[in-house]
Amino acid sequence: LVSSAAMVVGATAAALLCVALIPDAAHALAGQHAIVAKGISKTAKLPLMRRTLMTAEELQADANVQAEEKRVVVELIAQGSGLTASPQQQQQQKKRYSTAASGSGISPPTFAQRARGPFVGITFLATAVVAGWQSKRIYKQRQEGLLAEFAVTMMDRLGDIREMDETFKSYRKELGPGSYKSQMFVRFAVALAKGPPISVNGIKQLKNVVGIMSLTQEAVAELYVTCAEELKDSPSAFGKLLFLAERATPEAAAAANMRSRIPSWSPETIDLLQKAMLENLYKEMCNALPADSAPPPGAEILGISATDAQRMFDEAQKAKAAAAKMAEAEDERKSEQKRLQEALKAASAVSTSKVKKVPGATHEFECGDCGYTMFPAAGREGKFFGDGFKCPECGASKDKFRDKGPAA
């Protein structure tokens, strides 16, 4: 409304200025002598725009006609009054009017003078149009920013009915006149689909927002179609919205035929995905409870029967117990492996000081890593166990060999 009013006012002002600024070329031709006594020249009766567009020849001819008319009118007035002029006076009058008829001192308007008025009018009109377009663009950006802020604020206050209601009323008032309630619902629904994971609380809040905005099921169905267009490039987010909508507003979801809004998925695929989302959500709720408790509340909101709720609860508890048992067995296996590694490390930790040199006897030396056995001759152990000695089999250092005593 503001931008449209600005454009109308600007156009009106430009038109008035255009008319006011057109040079009155006829005034320069006729002057204040265009009307004498009872004689009114034909040029003075012409419209202003027509006189402006007359050629120089036409203006000159019109000036001559005016001068002749003035002379005739003066003579008629003199005759009617019974006055007679002397020959000398008549000669002076003829000279004066013939001079006026010659049009001395009168020049036709130039092209720049004639074009000045339309040019100024067009300039003002273009300025008004640009100002109106700019104000409309700024206004649209403001409204878009308010709608985005509304969605973020609603998600931040999700679950608090009073705060959500106050948020809706505040932003609706700030947006001003217009049909913004529908856009506000679409922004909220899209944010809910792209935001937190599906939950029973999400279903409740979508239903609450429909009530806060006082939307009918028919209106919600139409808005779900708009949401589908917004989420056409994000099938996973639209799948979440479908899950929430079918449980919060089943009538509107059915009327919108939301399951057909994902062309890349077949009806069978959508059905399987929706069932998987339902079971995974409810089993997660079951896993948070101890085994001896009852099934979690919310089955009726999710559209689950009591029998299916009990079945999924039992399955979840069995899966949780099996997972706990497997985790315990894995912990035990890791502990046993750690103990074995420590025992092997202790058994193979043989320092060079433990390599005994027994005079006159051949000792047996065994690698603690691979079991390779050596029988160096008595007194020649140093040749085999120098600083750079490595196990010929596995490359272990000399401290991995242990002396098993004299060879049998």
Foldseek 3Di string as FASTA:
>chain_A
DVLVVLLVVLLVVLVVQLVVLQDQLLCLLCPPVCDDDPDHAPVVVDDRLVNLPDDQVVSLVSQLVSLVVVLVVVVVVCVVVVHDDDPVVVVVSVVVSVVSNNRPPGGGDDPCSRVVSVVSSVVSSVVSNVVSVVVVVVLVVVLVVLLLVLLVQCVVVQPPLVSNLVSVVVSVVVNPDDPCLLVSLLSNLLCLLPDDADDLSSLVRNLSSCVSSVPDLCSVLVSLLVNLVVCQVPVSSLLSSLQSCCLNPVVSSVVNVSCVSHVVDDSVRSVVVSVVSLLVRQLVQLLVDDLPDQRDPDCVSSVHDNVVSRVSSVVSNVVVVVVVVVVVVVVVVVVVVVVVVVVLCVVQQAAPVQPDQDPPFWWWKAFSPPGDIDTDDHPCVCVQQPQCHADPPPGHHPSRIHTPTGDD
